[in-house]
Protein backbone atom coordinates (compact mmCIF):
# COMPACT_ATOMS: atom_id res chain seq x y z
CA MET A 1 110.86 120.99 109.72
CA LYS A 2 112.04 117.42 109.32
CA LEU A 3 110.09 114.34 110.31
CA HIS A 4 112.98 112.76 112.19
CA GLU A 5 113.02 115.72 114.61
CA PHE A 6 109.87 114.26 116.19
CA ASP A 7 111.19 110.74 116.61
CA TYR A 8 112.03 109.16 119.96
CA LYS A 9 112.73 105.70 121.34
CA TYR A 10 110.67 104.01 124.03
CA PRO A 11 110.64 100.59 125.71
CA GLU A 12 107.83 98.41 124.41
CA GLU A 13 106.81 97.53 127.97
CA LEU A 14 105.73 101.14 128.56
CA VAL A 15 102.98 100.91 125.92
CA ALA A 16 99.70 100.66 127.85
CA LYS A 17 97.87 97.56 126.58
CA HIS A 18 95.11 97.72 129.22
CA PRO A 19 93.41 100.57 131.07
CA LEU A 20 93.97 101.07 134.79
CA ASN A 21 91.19 99.98 137.14
CA ASP A 22 90.32 103.60 137.85
CA ARG A 23 90.21 106.11 135.02
CA ASP A 24 91.55 109.02 137.08
CA ALA A 25 94.39 107.01 138.64
CA SER A 26 96.67 107.75 135.70
CA LYS A 27 99.82 109.77 136.30
CA MET A 28 99.79 113.35 135.04
CA MET A 29 102.99 115.15 134.16
CA VAL A 30 102.58 118.89 134.71
CA VAL A 31 104.50 120.95 132.17
CA ASN A 32 104.99 124.69 132.57
CA ARG A 33 105.74 126.36 129.23
CA ALA A 34 106.98 129.60 130.78
CA SER A 35 109.36 128.26 133.41
CA HIS A 36 110.14 124.94 131.68
CA GLU A 37 109.46 123.27 135.02
CA ILE A 38 108.23 119.66 135.02
CA THR A 39 106.42 118.23 138.03
CA HIS A 40 104.43 115.05 138.58
CA SER A 41 100.90 114.43 139.80
CA PHE A 42 97.81 112.32 139.07
CA VAL A 43 94.69 112.99 137.02
CA LYS A 44 92.52 112.89 140.15
CA GLU A 45 94.42 116.01 141.28
CA LEU A 46 93.52 117.96 138.14
CA PRO A 47 91.05 120.29 139.98
CA SER A 48 93.94 121.68 142.04
CA PHE A 49 95.54 122.98 138.83
CA LEU A 50 92.36 124.70 137.66
CA LYS A 51 90.81 127.95 138.85
CA LYS A 52 87.45 129.64 138.89
CA GLY A 53 86.55 131.01 135.47
CA ASP A 54 88.53 128.46 133.45
CA VAL A 55 86.68 126.89 130.53
CA LEU A 56 87.44 123.19 130.06
CA VAL A 57 86.66 122.07 126.50
CA ILE A 58 85.83 118.38 126.05
CA ASN A 59 85.21 116.37 122.87
CA ASN A 60 81.94 114.45 123.34
CA SER A 61 82.26 112.38 120.17
CA ARG A 62 81.29 108.74 120.67
CA VAL A 63 83.38 105.93 119.23
CA PHE A 64 81.32 103.53 117.14
CA PRO A 65 82.24 99.89 116.29
CA ALA A 66 84.11 100.96 113.17
CA ARG A 67 86.28 97.87 112.70
CA LEU A 68 84.88 95.14 110.46
CA ILE A 69 86.53 91.77 109.88
CA GLY A 70 85.42 89.58 106.97
CA LYS A 71 86.52 88.17 103.66
CA LYS A 72 86.73 89.14 100.03
CA GLU A 73 84.60 87.45 97.39
CA SER A 74 87.71 85.51 96.45
CA GLY A 75 87.88 84.15 99.99
CA GLY A 76 90.87 86.08 101.33
CA ALA A 77 90.64 87.68 104.77
CA ILE A 78 89.93 91.40 104.90
CA GLU A 79 89.69 94.04 107.62
CA ILE A 80 88.32 97.55 107.18
CA LEU A 81 88.07 100.62 109.39
CA LEU A 82 85.12 102.90 108.74
CA LEU A 83 86.05 106.58 108.83
CA ASN A 84 82.96 108.62 108.03
CA ARG A 85 79.51 108.17 106.53
CA GLN A 86 78.99 109.69 103.08
CA ASP A 87 75.25 108.96 102.92
CA GLU A 88 72.83 106.37 104.31
CA LYS A 89 74.64 103.40 102.76
CA THR A 90 78.07 104.71 101.75
CA TRP A 91 81.16 105.01 103.94
CA LYS A 92 84.74 106.14 103.44
CA CYS A 93 87.17 103.67 104.97
CA ILE A 94 90.68 102.29 104.98
CA THR A 95 91.65 98.64 104.71
CA ASN A 96 94.68 96.44 105.20
CA ARG A 97 94.70 95.63 101.47
CA THR A 98 93.61 98.82 99.72
CA ALA A 99 95.96 98.56 96.72
CA LYS A 100 94.82 95.01 95.88
CA LEU A 101 91.06 95.61 95.98
CA LYS A 102 89.13 95.89 92.71
CA ILE A 103 86.44 98.48 92.10
CA GLY A 104 83.07 96.73 92.05
CA SER A 105 84.20 93.74 94.12
CA LYS A 106 82.48 92.82 97.38
CA MET A 107 83.53 92.21 100.97
CA ILE A 108 81.46 89.85 103.11
CA PHE A 109 80.99 90.10 106.89
CA ALA A 110 78.88 88.40 109.55
CA GLU A 111 75.08 88.38 109.78
CA GLY A 112 74.63 88.94 106.04
CA LEU A 113 76.40 92.31 105.99
CA GLU A 114 78.18 93.02 102.70
CA CYS A 115 79.71 96.02 100.99
CA LYS A 116 80.73 96.84 97.43
CA ILE A 117 83.81 98.91 96.59
CA LEU A 118 82.74 102.05 94.71
CA SER A 119 85.99 103.99 94.34
CA ARG A 120 89.54 104.42 95.60
CA GLU A 121 91.41 107.63 96.42
CA GLY A 122 94.89 107.37 97.89
CA GLU A 123 94.75 105.24 101.03
CA THR A 124 90.96 105.37 101.35
CA ILE A 125 88.10 103.63 99.56
CA ASP A 126 84.37 104.34 99.37
CA VAL A 127 82.11 101.35 99.97
CA GLU A 128 78.34 100.82 99.82
CA PHE A 129 76.67 98.51 102.36
CA ASN A 130 73.66 96.37 101.63
CA ARG A 131 72.34 96.57 105.21
CA PRO A 132 74.12 99.42 107.02
CA GLU A 133 71.89 98.99 110.09
CA LEU A 134 73.94 95.86 110.90
CA ILE A 135 77.24 97.74 111.32
CA GLU A 136 76.61 98.45 115.02
CA SER A 137 76.11 94.76 115.83
CA VAL A 138 78.77 93.32 113.51
CA GLY A 139 81.50 95.93 114.09
CA LEU A 140 84.17 95.84 116.78
CA PRO A 141 85.73 98.66 118.82
CA PRO A 142 88.40 100.36 116.66
CA LEU A 143 91.29 99.63 119.01
CA PRO A 144 94.80 100.67 117.93
CA PRO A 145 96.96 97.77 116.65
CA TYR A 146 99.23 97.83 119.73
CA ILE A 147 96.21 97.20 121.94
CA ARG A 148 94.63 94.60 119.64
CA SER A 149 97.87 92.63 119.68
CA ALA A 150 97.35 91.99 123.38
CA ARG A 151 93.78 90.76 122.88
CA GLY A 152 94.31 87.72 120.68
CA LYS A 153 93.39 87.31 117.04
CA GLY A 154 90.37 87.90 114.87
CA ASN A 155 87.25 88.99 116.70
CA ASP A 156 88.68 88.75 120.21
CA VAL A 157 87.93 91.91 122.14
CA ALA A 158 88.24 92.32 125.87
CA LYS A 159 85.02 93.28 127.64
CA GLU A 160 86.90 96.15 129.27
CA ASP A 161 87.43 97.79 125.89
CA VAL A 162 83.73 98.15 125.12
CA GLN A 163 83.35 100.46 128.11
CA ARG A 164 86.81 101.87 128.63
CA TYR A 165 87.63 102.81 125.03
CA GLN A 166 84.90 105.44 125.38
CA THR A 167 84.74 108.64 127.42
CA VAL A 168 82.11 108.89 130.17
CA TYR A 169 80.72 111.98 128.43
CA ALA A 170 80.54 110.50 124.89
CA ARG A 171 77.28 111.57 123.24
CA GLU A 172 77.59 112.14 119.49
CA THR A 173 78.38 109.00 117.46
CA GLY A 174 80.99 109.29 114.74
CA SER A 175 84.59 108.64 115.85
CA ALA A 176 86.83 105.93 114.43
CA ALA A 177 89.19 106.27 117.41
CA ALA A 178 88.75 107.52 120.95
CA PRO A 179 89.68 111.09 121.93
CA THR A 180 92.05 109.53 124.43
CA ALA A 181 92.76 112.41 126.83
CA GLY A 182 89.10 112.24 127.77
CA LEU A 183 89.40 108.59 128.83
CA HIS A 184 90.86 109.76 132.17
CA PHE A 185 87.68 111.49 133.33
CA THR A 186 85.06 110.11 135.70
CA ASP A 187 81.68 111.59 136.57
CA LYS A 188 83.02 112.40 140.04
CA LEU A 189 86.08 114.17 138.65
CA LEU A 190 83.85 116.28 136.41
CA GLU A 191 81.72 117.20 139.43
CA ASN A 192 84.83 118.21 141.39
CA ILE A 193 85.98 120.35 138.47
CA LYS A 194 82.62 122.13 138.27
CA ALA A 195 82.73 122.69 142.03
CA CYS A 196 85.91 124.73 141.47
CA GLY A 197 83.94 127.20 139.37
CA VAL A 198 85.21 125.79 136.08
CA GLU A 199 82.86 125.84 133.09
CA ILE A 200 82.75 122.72 130.93
CA ALA A 201 82.16 123.31 127.22
CA PRO A 202 81.37 120.24 125.10
CA VAL A 203 82.34 120.28 121.44
CA THR A 204 82.32 117.49 118.89
CA LEU A 205 85.08 116.38 116.54
CA HIS A 206 84.65 112.98 114.94
CA VAL A 207 88.09 111.40 115.00
CA GLY A 208 89.14 110.13 111.60
CA LEU A 209 92.11 109.69 109.33
CA ASP A 210 93.78 113.01 110.19
CA THR A 211 94.22 112.03 113.83
CA PHE A 212 95.99 108.71 113.27
CA SER A 213 97.29 108.82 109.68
CA PRO A 214 101.10 108.62 109.66
CA VAL A 215 103.27 111.42 108.30
CA ARG A 216 105.33 110.00 105.44
CA GLU A 217 107.01 113.13 104.07
CA GLU A 218 110.40 114.03 105.54
CA ASN A 219 109.50 117.70 105.12
CA ILE A 220 106.48 117.76 107.38
CA GLU A 221 105.03 120.87 105.71
CA GLU A 222 104.21 118.61 102.72
CA HIS A 223 101.89 116.40 104.79
CA LYS A 224 98.27 116.69 103.65
CA MET A 225 95.33 116.57 106.04
CA HIS A 226 92.06 115.02 104.87
CA GLY A 227 89.54 116.89 107.02
CA GLU A 228 87.53 115.99 110.13
CA GLU A 229 83.99 117.12 110.91
CA TYR A 230 83.40 119.23 114.01
CA PHE A 231 80.56 121.04 115.76
CA ILE A 232 80.43 123.68 118.50
CA PRO A 233 77.00 124.16 120.11
CA GLU A 234 75.81 127.69 120.85
CA GLU A 235 76.26 127.47 124.63
CA SER A 236 79.86 126.25 124.27
CA ALA A 237 80.62 128.94 121.69
CA LYS A 238 79.38 131.60 124.12
CA MET A 239 81.55 130.20 126.93
CA ILE A 240 84.67 130.19 124.74
CA VAL A 241 84.13 133.66 123.29
CA ALA A 242 83.39 135.17 126.72
CA ALA A 243 86.47 133.57 128.28
CA LYS A 244 88.79 134.95 125.59
CA LYS A 245 87.26 138.43 125.86
CA GLU A 246 87.63 138.41 129.65
CA GLY A 247 91.16 136.97 129.74
CA ARG A 248 90.11 133.67 131.31
CA ARG A 249 91.84 130.41 130.37
CA VAL A 250 90.47 128.01 127.76
CA ILE A 251 91.80 124.51 128.41
CA ALA A 252 91.57 121.83 125.73
CA VAL A 253 91.09 118.22 126.78
CA GLY A 254 93.01 116.45 124.06
CA THR A 255 94.43 117.37 120.68
CA THR A 256 91.01 116.91 119.06
CA SER A 257 89.48 119.63 121.25
CA ALA A 258 92.51 121.79 120.46
CA ARG A 259 91.90 121.30 116.72
CA VAL A 260 88.29 122.38 117.15
CA LEU A 261 89.26 125.50 119.08
CA GLU A 262 92.01 126.60 116.71
CA SER A 263 89.75 125.95 113.72
CA PHE A 264 87.06 128.03 115.38
CA ALA A 265 89.52 130.88 115.94
CA GLN A 266 88.79 132.50 112.60
CA ASP A 267 85.11 132.77 113.60
CA VAL A 268 85.67 133.56 117.27
CA GLY A 269 83.55 136.68 116.97
CA THR A 270 80.40 134.62 116.54
CA GLN A 271 78.49 132.96 119.35
CA SER A 272 76.17 130.95 117.12
CA PRO A 273 76.40 127.17 116.65
CA HIS A 274 79.35 126.35 114.40
CA HIS A 275 79.42 123.26 112.17
CA SER A 276 82.29 122.73 109.78
CA SER A 277 85.18 120.52 108.68
CA THR A 278 88.80 121.19 109.56
CA ASN A 279 92.01 120.20 107.84
CA ILE A 280 94.18 122.34 110.09
CA PHE A 281 97.70 120.95 110.57
CA ILE A 282 99.41 122.35 113.64
CA TYR A 283 103.19 122.04 113.92
CA PRO A 284 105.99 124.21 115.40
CA GLY A 285 105.72 127.77 114.18
CA TYR A 286 101.96 127.85 114.61
CA LYS A 287 100.67 130.54 116.99
CA PHE A 288 97.78 129.34 119.14
CA LYS A 289 94.85 131.75 119.21
CA ILE A 290 92.43 130.20 121.69
CA VAL A 291 94.05 127.31 123.61
CA ASP A 292 95.75 128.43 126.83
CA ALA A 293 96.40 124.99 128.33
CA MET A 294 96.05 121.41 127.19
CA LEU A 295 95.59 117.99 128.77
CA THR A 296 96.94 115.35 126.41
CA ASN A 297 98.23 111.79 126.37
CA PHE A 298 101.73 110.79 125.28
CA HIS A 299 101.71 110.34 121.52
CA GLN A 300 103.50 108.09 119.08
CA PRO A 301 106.78 109.23 117.51
CA MET A 302 106.57 111.32 114.32
CA SER A 303 102.77 111.70 114.58
CA THR A 304 100.83 114.88 113.83
CA LEU A 305 99.79 114.81 117.50
CA ILE A 306 103.30 115.10 118.91
CA MET A 307 103.87 117.85 116.35
CA MET A 308 100.87 119.74 117.74
CA VAL A 309 102.03 119.56 121.35
CA SER A 310 105.51 120.55 120.17
CA ALA A 311 103.96 123.63 118.58
CA PHE A 312 102.26 124.41 121.89
CA ALA A 313 105.20 123.95 124.25
CA GLY A 314 108.28 123.92 121.99
CA ARG A 315 109.80 120.88 120.32
CA GLU A 316 112.95 120.65 122.45
CA PHE A 317 111.02 121.06 125.69
CA ILE A 318 108.44 118.44 124.69
CA MET A 319 111.14 115.96 123.72
CA LYS A 320 112.77 116.59 127.11
CA ALA A 321 109.41 115.97 128.82
CA TYR A 322 108.95 112.72 126.88
CA ALA A 323 112.43 111.58 127.87
CA GLU A 324 111.61 112.24 131.52
CA ALA A 325 108.30 110.41 131.18
CA ILE A 326 110.10 107.36 129.83
CA ALA A 327 112.72 107.53 132.58
CA LYS A 328 109.96 107.66 135.19
CA LYS A 329 108.06 104.82 133.46
CA TYR A 330 104.95 106.69 132.45
CA ARG A 331 102.48 104.54 130.50
CA LEU A 332 102.25 105.54 126.84
CA PHE A 333 99.59 106.11 124.18
CA SER A 334 95.80 105.56 124.22
CA TYR A 335 95.38 103.78 127.56
CA GLY A 336 98.43 105.50 129.04
CA ASP A 337 99.19 108.46 131.29
CA CYS A 338 98.95 112.11 130.32
CA MET A 339 100.48 115.56 130.63
CA LEU A 340 98.95 118.90 131.52
CA ILE A 341 100.63 121.69 129.58
CA PHE A 342 100.03 125.27 130.65
């Protein structure tokens, strides 16, 4: 398939630069894959679309302050985004000046934190920190550029982002971006969902380059995924396996949870804890093996994420749904509204 088939136009004013006051106040488009019917609701009404026996799979990865702003040894400004830890001191990251950085040179940040560039591979570099324990205090929330642009320059970060660019159920530290569908949930909403007889199965996928790296090849099949670490605890594995055996629905909260589930599909016969890395790339033509429904935000044009939801519901139908969302002024992207696809 061609990259341009996943492009669409949207008014800039629909990009959500700030979260709503209440997490579950977001609009929720309800998309029926079988009937091609589109209706409109709100996240707080999600329990009414669920039924006893459903398994709701959530990604409990915690966003860490992965964005570091500093300067090169030469004095020029530099910004890096940490992706994943290689060992105690070494991280893989991307920067705004990767091609111009020299192996062996240093980058200097606040509070005496420094790193040395060890190697470069494509758009990523490996760096070694002198005092990695300072990353948590020096780093900033890894907000997307379209949100940062509304916050000012440099180190300016709104207080709301520290709390709101994190799910209420975040537990396992490791993501360089939030699993955004989960941002809509509150503790009360989760309680209401459980009261419906729905099982909640936490999994962990640490969001990295695969989730937000742009597709540059016009033939999308040529796009290469880098790999993201994931983990399914034993209790969650048992819930998922039992639901599939008994014909009950497995509902993914977000594309990251969907990636975990479809990566787990090849080992769905096991109920033991499952820890692995996935480079699965889901685009139209893919046949879903575990996911029966999905709650997901509205994604950027030509991203791997819109390709995944197009694989789930059909490209033409998804593009129609996006056009309706824009016409009805849904809020887009990370802090925006969402759709429930079943």
